[in-house]
């Protein structure tokens, strides 16, 4: 079970690395006016989103394996799973925003994306505290 836990941590960390960087690309896309630079940023965003999705799948699968192995108990785990659902929703929102950029329908400025970029940091902080401290 320790191997499963170790791999889960590696995939979650990698998944979050993508979630930290993708909105930074969106900040640049929101500021960019040159067609060539926009095309390059869109290519980067598409590839990163696809790669991040491939990292999310084993992270979630390994998390489910751990859940089945250790059981479902404690309020901290309920809270953590709720936050994991929010992370999955955030990941999906990143995909929706990418499609808007690709279709030329972005209606948000760079300041929105700077704040949007902070969401996964707060989610990860809360998840790690719940897992390590188990406050309830």
N, C-alpha and C. Protein backbone atom coordinates (compact mmCIF):
# COMPACT_ATOMS: atom_id res chain seq x y z
N UNK A 1 0.83 -1.20 0.00
CA UNK A 1 0.00 0.00 0.00
C UNK A 1 0.87 1.26 0.00
N UNK A 2 2.10 1.16 0.52
CA UNK A 2 2.99 2.32 0.52
C UNK A 2 3.38 2.73 -0.90
N UNK A 3 3.52 1.75 -1.80
CA UNK A 3 3.81 2.08 -3.20
C UNK A 3 2.65 2.85 -3.83
N UNK A 4 1.45 2.44 -3.52
CA UNK A 4 0.27 3.12 -4.05
C UNK A 4 0.24 4.55 -3.51
N UNK A 5 0.52 4.72 -2.23
CA UNK A 5 0.52 6.05 -1.62
C UNK A 5 1.61 6.92 -2.25
N UNK A 6 2.79 6.36 -2.45
CA UNK A 6 3.90 7.12 -3.05
C UNK A 6 3.55 7.55 -4.47
N UNK A 7 3.02 6.63 -5.25
CA UNK A 7 2.64 6.99 -6.63
C UNK A 7 1.51 8.01 -6.65
N UNK A 8 0.58 7.88 -5.72
CA UNK A 8 -0.52 8.86 -5.63
C UNK A 8 0.05 10.25 -5.38
N UNK A 9 0.99 10.36 -4.47
CA UNK A 9 1.59 11.66 -4.16
C UNK A 9 2.32 12.22 -5.38
N UNK A 10 3.04 11.38 -6.10
CA UNK A 10 3.77 11.83 -7.30
C UNK A 10 2.79 12.33 -8.36
N UNK A 11 1.73 11.58 -8.62
CA UNK A 11 0.78 12.00 -9.65
C UNK A 11 -0.01 13.23 -9.24
N UNK A 12 -0.38 13.33 -7.97
CA UNK A 12 -1.09 14.52 -7.50
C UNK A 12 -0.20 15.75 -7.62
N UNK A 13 1.06 15.61 -7.22
CA UNK A 13 2.01 16.72 -7.32
C UNK A 13 2.17 17.16 -8.77
N UNK A 14 2.30 16.20 -9.66
CA UNK A 14 2.45 16.52 -11.09
C UNK A 14 1.19 17.16 -11.66
N UNK A 15 0.05 16.65 -11.26
CA UNK A 15 -1.23 17.21 -11.70
C UNK A 15 -1.33 18.67 -11.27
N UNK A 16 -1.01 18.94 -10.02
CA UNK A 16 -1.09 20.31 -9.52
C UNK A 16 -0.06 21.22 -10.19
N UNK A 17 1.08 20.69 -10.55
CA UNK A 17 2.07 21.52 -11.27
C UNK A 17 1.44 22.05 -12.55
N UNK A 18 0.71 21.20 -13.25
CA UNK A 18 0.01 21.64 -14.46
C UNK A 18 -1.08 22.65 -14.15
N UNK A 19 -1.81 22.42 -13.06
CA UNK A 19 -2.88 23.34 -12.67
C UNK A 19 -2.33 24.69 -12.20
N UNK A 20 -1.09 24.70 -11.71
CA UNK A 20 -0.46 25.97 -11.33
C UNK A 20 -0.03 26.76 -12.55
N UNK A 21 0.43 26.06 -13.60
CA UNK A 21 1.01 26.74 -14.74
C UNK A 21 -0.01 27.12 -15.82
N UNK A 22 -1.01 26.29 -16.02
CA UNK A 22 -1.99 26.54 -17.09
C UNK A 22 -2.65 27.92 -16.99
N UNK A 23 -3.14 28.35 -15.82
CA UNK A 23 -3.72 29.69 -15.73
C UNK A 23 -2.71 30.81 -15.97
N UNK A 24 -1.43 30.53 -15.74
CA UNK A 24 -0.40 31.54 -16.06
C UNK A 24 -0.33 31.74 -17.57
N UNK A 25 -0.52 30.67 -18.31
CA UNK A 25 -0.59 30.80 -19.77
C UNK A 25 -1.82 31.62 -20.14
N UNK A 26 -2.92 31.42 -19.43
CA UNK A 26 -4.14 32.19 -19.69
C UNK A 26 -3.93 33.68 -19.42
N UNK A 27 -3.16 34.00 -18.40
CA UNK A 27 -2.83 35.40 -18.13
C UNK A 27 -2.16 35.99 -19.36
N UNK A 28 -1.18 35.28 -19.90
CA UNK A 28 -0.45 35.77 -21.08
C UNK A 28 -1.35 35.83 -22.31
N UNK A 29 -2.23 34.85 -22.45
CA UNK A 29 -3.17 34.87 -23.57
C UNK A 29 -4.10 36.09 -23.49
N UNK A 30 -4.54 36.40 -22.29
CA UNK A 30 -5.44 37.55 -22.10
C UNK A 30 -4.73 38.87 -22.43
N UNK A 31 -3.42 38.90 -22.25
CA UNK A 31 -2.64 40.13 -22.53
C UNK A 31 -2.14 40.21 -23.96
N UNK A 32 -2.01 39.07 -24.62
CA UNK A 32 -1.35 39.02 -25.93
C UNK A 32 -2.20 39.61 -27.05
N UNK A 33 -1.53 40.34 -27.94
CA UNK A 33 -2.21 40.93 -29.09
C UNK A 33 -1.66 40.41 -30.42
N UNK A 34 -0.50 39.80 -30.40
CA UNK A 34 0.10 39.29 -31.64
C UNK A 34 -0.42 37.89 -31.95
N UNK A 35 -0.80 37.68 -33.21
CA UNK A 35 -1.39 36.42 -33.64
C UNK A 35 -0.43 35.25 -33.48
N UNK A 36 0.83 35.46 -33.84
CA UNK A 36 1.81 34.37 -33.76
C UNK A 36 2.04 33.96 -32.31
N UNK A 37 2.18 34.92 -31.43
CA UNK A 37 2.38 34.62 -30.01
C UNK A 37 1.15 33.95 -29.42
N UNK A 38 -0.03 34.41 -29.81
CA UNK A 38 -1.27 33.80 -29.33
C UNK A 38 -1.35 32.35 -29.77
N UNK A 39 -1.00 32.07 -31.01
CA UNK A 39 -1.03 30.69 -31.52
C UNK A 39 -0.07 29.80 -30.73
N UNK A 40 1.11 30.32 -30.41
CA UNK A 40 2.09 29.54 -29.65
C UNK A 40 1.58 29.29 -28.23
N UNK A 41 1.01 30.30 -27.60
CA UNK A 41 0.47 30.13 -26.25
C UNK A 41 -0.69 29.14 -26.24
N UNK A 42 -1.53 29.19 -27.26
CA UNK A 42 -2.64 28.22 -27.35
C UNK A 42 -2.12 26.81 -27.51
N UNK A 43 -1.07 26.63 -28.30
CA UNK A 43 -0.47 25.31 -28.47
C UNK A 43 0.08 24.81 -27.13
N UNK A 44 0.79 25.69 -26.44
CA UNK A 44 1.32 25.33 -25.12
C UNK A 44 0.20 24.94 -24.16
N UNK A 45 -0.87 25.73 -24.14
CA UNK A 45 -2.00 25.48 -23.24
C UNK A 45 -2.67 24.15 -23.57
N UNK A 46 -2.88 23.88 -24.86
CA UNK A 46 -3.51 22.62 -25.27
C UNK A 46 -2.69 21.43 -24.83
N UNK A 47 -1.38 21.49 -25.09
CA UNK A 47 -0.51 20.37 -24.73
C UNK A 47 -0.44 20.19 -23.21
N UNK A 48 -0.36 21.31 -22.49
CA UNK A 48 -0.30 21.21 -21.02
C UNK A 48 -1.61 20.67 -20.46
N UNK A 49 -2.74 21.12 -20.99
CA UNK A 49 -4.03 20.63 -20.50
C UNK A 49 -4.15 19.13 -20.74
N UNK A 50 -3.77 18.68 -21.92
CA UNK A 50 -3.84 17.26 -22.25
C UNK A 50 -2.93 16.45 -21.31
N UNK A 51 -1.70 16.92 -21.12
CA UNK A 51 -0.75 16.24 -20.26
C UNK A 51 -1.23 16.24 -18.80
N UNK A 52 -1.76 17.37 -18.36
CA UNK A 52 -2.27 17.48 -16.99
C UNK A 52 -3.44 16.52 -16.77
N UNK A 53 -4.27 16.37 -17.77
CA UNK A 53 -5.39 15.43 -17.68
C UNK A 53 -4.87 14.01 -17.56
N UNK A 54 -3.82 13.69 -18.31
CA UNK A 54 -3.24 12.34 -18.23
C UNK A 54 -2.63 12.07 -16.85
N UNK A 55 -2.18 13.13 -16.18
CA UNK A 55 -1.64 12.97 -14.82
C UNK A 55 -2.76 12.87 -13.79
N UNK A 56 -3.87 13.55 -14.05
CA UNK A 56 -5.00 13.54 -13.10
C UNK A 56 -5.63 12.16 -13.01
N UNK A 57 -5.71 11.45 -14.11
CA UNK A 57 -6.39 10.16 -14.11
C UNK A 57 -5.74 9.14 -13.18
N UNK A 58 -4.42 8.91 -13.25
CA UNK A 58 -3.84 7.98 -12.27
C UNK A 58 -3.86 8.53 -10.85
N UNK A 59 -3.78 9.86 -10.69
CA UNK A 59 -3.86 10.43 -9.34
C UNK A 59 -5.21 10.09 -8.71
N UNK A 60 -6.27 10.24 -9.48
CA UNK A 60 -7.62 9.94 -8.98
C UNK A 60 -7.79 8.44 -8.76
N UNK A 61 -7.32 7.64 -9.72
CA UNK A 61 -7.44 6.18 -9.60
C UNK A 61 -6.67 5.65 -8.38
N UNK A 62 -5.47 6.14 -8.17
CA UNK A 62 -4.69 5.71 -7.01
C UNK A 62 -5.33 6.20 -5.71
N UNK A 63 -5.91 7.40 -5.74
CA UNK A 63 -6.63 7.89 -4.57
C UNK A 63 -7.82 7.01 -4.22
N UNK A 64 -8.54 6.56 -5.25
CA UNK A 64 -9.65 5.64 -5.01
C UNK A 64 -9.16 4.31 -4.44
N UNK A 65 -8.03 3.84 -4.94
CA UNK A 65 -7.43 2.60 -4.44
C UNK A 65 -7.10 2.75 -2.95
N UNK A 66 -6.50 3.88 -2.60
CA UNK A 66 -6.18 4.13 -1.19
C UNK A 66 -7.45 4.20 -0.34
N UNK A 67 -8.46 4.85 -0.87
CA UNK A 67 -9.72 4.97 -0.15
C UNK A 67 -10.31 3.59 0.13
N UNK A 68 -10.28 2.72 -0.89
CA UNK A 68 -10.81 1.37 -0.71
C UNK A 68 -9.94 0.57 0.26
N UNK A 69 -8.64 0.82 0.25
CA UNK A 69 -7.73 0.09 1.12
C UNK A 69 -7.81 0.51 2.57
N UNK A 70 -8.04 1.79 2.81
CA UNK A 70 -8.08 2.31 4.18
C UNK A 70 -9.49 2.52 4.70
N UNK A 71 -10.46 2.50 3.84
CA UNK A 71 -11.84 2.72 4.27
C UNK A 71 -12.20 4.20 4.30
N UNK A 72 -13.45 4.46 4.50
CA UNK A 72 -13.98 5.81 4.48
C UNK A 72 -14.39 6.17 5.89
N UNK A 73 -13.54 6.91 6.58
CA UNK A 73 -13.88 7.29 7.95
C UNK A 73 -13.27 8.64 8.30
N UNK A 74 -13.92 9.34 9.17
CA UNK A 74 -13.40 10.62 9.64
C UNK A 74 -13.92 11.79 8.82
N UNK A 75 -14.26 12.84 9.54
CA UNK A 75 -14.75 14.05 8.88
C UNK A 75 -13.71 14.68 7.97
N UNK A 76 -12.42 14.54 8.33
CA UNK A 76 -11.35 15.11 7.51
C UNK A 76 -11.38 14.51 6.11
N UNK A 77 -11.71 13.20 6.01
CA UNK A 77 -11.73 12.55 4.70
C UNK A 77 -12.91 13.03 3.87
N UNK A 78 -14.05 13.25 4.51
CA UNK A 78 -15.20 13.81 3.80
C UNK A 78 -14.84 15.19 3.24
N UNK A 79 -14.20 16.00 4.06
CA UNK A 79 -13.81 17.34 3.63
C UNK A 79 -12.78 17.27 2.51
N UNK A 80 -11.81 16.36 2.63
CA UNK A 80 -10.78 16.21 1.60
C UNK A 80 -11.42 15.80 0.28
N UNK A 81 -12.32 14.83 0.32
CA UNK A 81 -12.96 14.37 -0.91
C UNK A 81 -13.79 15.47 -1.55
N UNK A 82 -14.40 16.30 -0.74
CA UNK A 82 -15.13 17.46 -1.27
C UNK A 82 -14.18 18.39 -1.99
N UNK A 83 -13.02 18.63 -1.39
CA UNK A 83 -12.02 19.50 -2.03
C UNK A 83 -11.46 18.87 -3.30
N UNK A 84 -11.31 17.55 -3.30
CA UNK A 84 -10.84 16.86 -4.51
C UNK A 84 -11.87 17.04 -5.63
N UNK A 85 -13.14 16.98 -5.30
CA UNK A 85 -14.18 17.24 -6.32
C UNK A 85 -14.06 18.66 -6.85
N UNK A 86 -13.73 19.61 -5.98
CA UNK A 86 -13.51 20.99 -6.43
C UNK A 86 -12.29 21.09 -7.33
N UNK A 87 -11.25 20.33 -7.04
CA UNK A 87 -10.06 20.32 -7.90
C UNK A 87 -10.42 19.77 -9.28
N UNK A 88 -11.20 18.70 -9.30
CA UNK A 88 -11.64 18.13 -10.58
C UNK A 88 -12.48 19.16 -11.34
N UNK A 89 -13.35 19.87 -10.64
CA UNK A 89 -14.15 20.93 -11.27
C UNK A 89 -13.28 22.05 -11.79
N UNK A 90 -12.24 22.42 -11.04
CA UNK A 90 -11.30 23.45 -11.47
C UNK A 90 -10.58 23.01 -12.73
N UNK A 91 -10.16 21.75 -12.75
CA UNK A 91 -9.50 21.19 -13.93
C UNK A 91 -10.42 21.30 -15.15
N UNK A 92 -11.67 20.92 -14.94
CA UNK A 92 -12.66 21.01 -16.03
C UNK A 92 -12.85 22.47 -16.47
N UNK A 93 -12.91 23.38 -15.51
CA UNK A 93 -13.06 24.81 -15.83
C UNK A 93 -11.88 25.30 -16.67
N UNK A 94 -10.68 24.79 -16.37
CA UNK A 94 -9.52 25.15 -17.19
C UNK A 94 -9.72 24.72 -18.64
N UNK A 95 -10.32 23.55 -18.84
CA UNK A 95 -10.60 23.09 -20.19
C UNK A 95 -11.65 23.95 -20.88
N UNK A 96 -12.67 24.35 -20.15
CA UNK A 96 -13.70 25.23 -20.71
C UNK A 96 -13.10 26.57 -21.12
N UNK A 97 -12.25 27.12 -20.27
CA UNK A 97 -11.61 28.40 -20.58
C UNK A 97 -10.68 28.26 -21.78
N UNK A 98 -9.99 27.14 -21.89
CA UNK A 98 -9.11 26.90 -23.04
C UNK A 98 -9.93 26.90 -24.34
N UNK A 99 -11.07 26.25 -24.32
CA UNK A 99 -11.92 26.23 -25.52
C UNK A 99 -12.38 27.64 -25.89
N UNK A 100 -12.66 28.46 -24.89
CA UNK A 100 -13.06 29.85 -25.17
C UNK A 100 -11.91 30.61 -25.82
N UNK A 101 -10.71 30.42 -25.32
CA UNK A 101 -9.55 31.06 -25.94
C UNK A 101 -9.37 30.58 -27.37
N UNK A 102 -9.51 29.27 -27.59
CA UNK A 102 -9.34 28.70 -28.93
C UNK A 102 -10.37 29.24 -29.91
N UNK A 103 -11.58 29.49 -29.42
CA UNK A 103 -12.66 29.98 -30.28
C UNK A 103 -12.73 31.51 -30.33
N UNK A 104 -11.77 32.17 -29.68
CA UNK A 104 -11.75 33.63 -29.69
C UNK A 104 -12.87 34.25 -28.89
N UNK A 105 -13.37 33.53 -27.89
CA UNK A 105 -14.51 34.02 -27.10
C UNK A 105 -14.13 34.35 -25.66
N UNK A 106 -12.86 34.56 -25.38
CA UNK A 106 -12.48 34.95 -24.02
C UNK A 106 -13.01 36.34 -23.73
N UNK A 107 -13.69 36.48 -22.61
CA UNK A 107 -14.25 37.77 -22.23
C UNK A 107 -13.70 38.26 -20.90
N UNK A 108 -12.64 37.63 -20.44
CA UNK A 108 -12.07 37.99 -19.15
C UNK A 108 -10.68 38.58 -19.33
N UNK A 109 -10.33 39.46 -18.42
CA UNK A 109 -9.02 40.10 -18.47
C UNK A 109 -7.97 39.32 -17.70
N UNK A 110 -6.74 39.79 -17.81
CA UNK A 110 -5.63 39.11 -17.17
C UNK A 110 -5.75 39.10 -15.64
N UNK A 111 -6.39 40.10 -15.06
CA UNK A 111 -6.53 40.15 -13.60
C UNK A 111 -7.37 38.97 -13.12
N UNK A 112 -8.44 38.64 -13.83
CA UNK A 112 -9.25 37.47 -13.47
C UNK A 112 -8.39 36.21 -13.44
N UNK A 113 -7.56 36.03 -14.46
CA UNK A 113 -6.75 34.82 -14.54
C UNK A 113 -5.66 34.79 -13.47
N UNK A 114 -5.19 35.96 -13.06
CA UNK A 114 -4.23 36.00 -11.96
C UNK A 114 -4.88 35.50 -10.66
N UNK A 115 -6.12 35.89 -10.41
CA UNK A 115 -6.83 35.40 -9.23
C UNK A 115 -7.23 33.93 -9.40
N UNK A 116 -7.67 33.58 -10.60
CA UNK A 116 -8.04 32.20 -10.91
C UNK A 116 -6.86 31.27 -10.65
N UNK A 117 -5.66 31.75 -10.90
CA UNK A 117 -4.44 30.97 -10.72
C UNK A 117 -4.18 30.64 -9.25
N UNK A 118 -4.76 31.39 -8.33
CA UNK A 118 -4.53 31.14 -6.90
C UNK A 118 -5.41 30.03 -6.33
N UNK A 119 -6.47 29.68 -7.04
CA UNK A 119 -7.41 28.68 -6.52
C UNK A 119 -6.75 27.33 -6.23
N UNK A 120 -5.95 26.76 -7.17
CA UNK A 120 -5.36 25.46 -6.85
C UNK A 120 -4.37 25.51 -5.68
N UNK A 121 -3.74 26.66 -5.47
CA UNK A 121 -2.83 26.80 -4.33
C UNK A 121 -3.62 26.65 -3.03
N UNK A 122 -4.76 27.32 -2.95
CA UNK A 122 -5.59 27.25 -1.74
C UNK A 122 -6.17 25.85 -1.54
N UNK A 123 -6.59 25.23 -2.65
CA UNK A 123 -7.13 23.87 -2.55
C UNK A 123 -6.07 22.89 -2.08
N UNK A 124 -4.87 22.98 -2.65
CA UNK A 124 -3.80 22.08 -2.24
C UNK A 124 -3.42 22.29 -0.78
N UNK A 125 -3.35 23.54 -0.36
CA UNK A 125 -3.03 23.85 1.03
C UNK A 125 -4.05 23.20 1.97
N UNK A 126 -5.31 23.37 1.66
CA UNK A 126 -6.37 22.80 2.51
C UNK A 126 -6.33 21.28 2.50
N UNK A 127 -6.10 20.68 1.34
CA UNK A 127 -6.05 19.22 1.25
C UNK A 127 -4.89 18.66 2.05
N UNK A 128 -3.72 19.25 1.90
CA UNK A 128 -2.55 18.76 2.64
C UNK A 128 -2.77 18.90 4.15
N UNK A 129 -3.33 20.01 4.58
CA UNK A 129 -3.61 20.18 6.02
C UNK A 129 -4.58 19.12 6.50
N UNK A 130 -5.62 18.85 5.74
CA UNK A 130 -6.59 17.83 6.14
C UNK A 130 -5.95 16.45 6.24
N UNK A 131 -5.10 16.11 5.27
CA UNK A 131 -4.48 14.78 5.25
C UNK A 131 -3.44 14.62 6.36
N UNK A 132 -2.66 15.65 6.60
CA UNK A 132 -1.58 15.54 7.59
C UNK A 132 -2.09 15.76 9.01
N UNK A 133 -2.87 16.80 9.22
CA UNK A 133 -3.30 17.17 10.58
C UNK A 133 -4.54 16.38 11.01
N UNK A 134 -5.41 16.04 10.04
CA UNK A 134 -6.68 15.35 10.34
C UNK A 134 -7.40 16.05 11.50
N UNK A 135 -7.79 17.31 11.29
CA UNK A 135 -8.34 18.12 12.39
C UNK A 135 -9.68 17.64 12.93
N UNK A 136 -10.41 16.83 12.19
CA UNK A 136 -11.70 16.32 12.69
C UNK A 136 -12.02 15.00 12.05
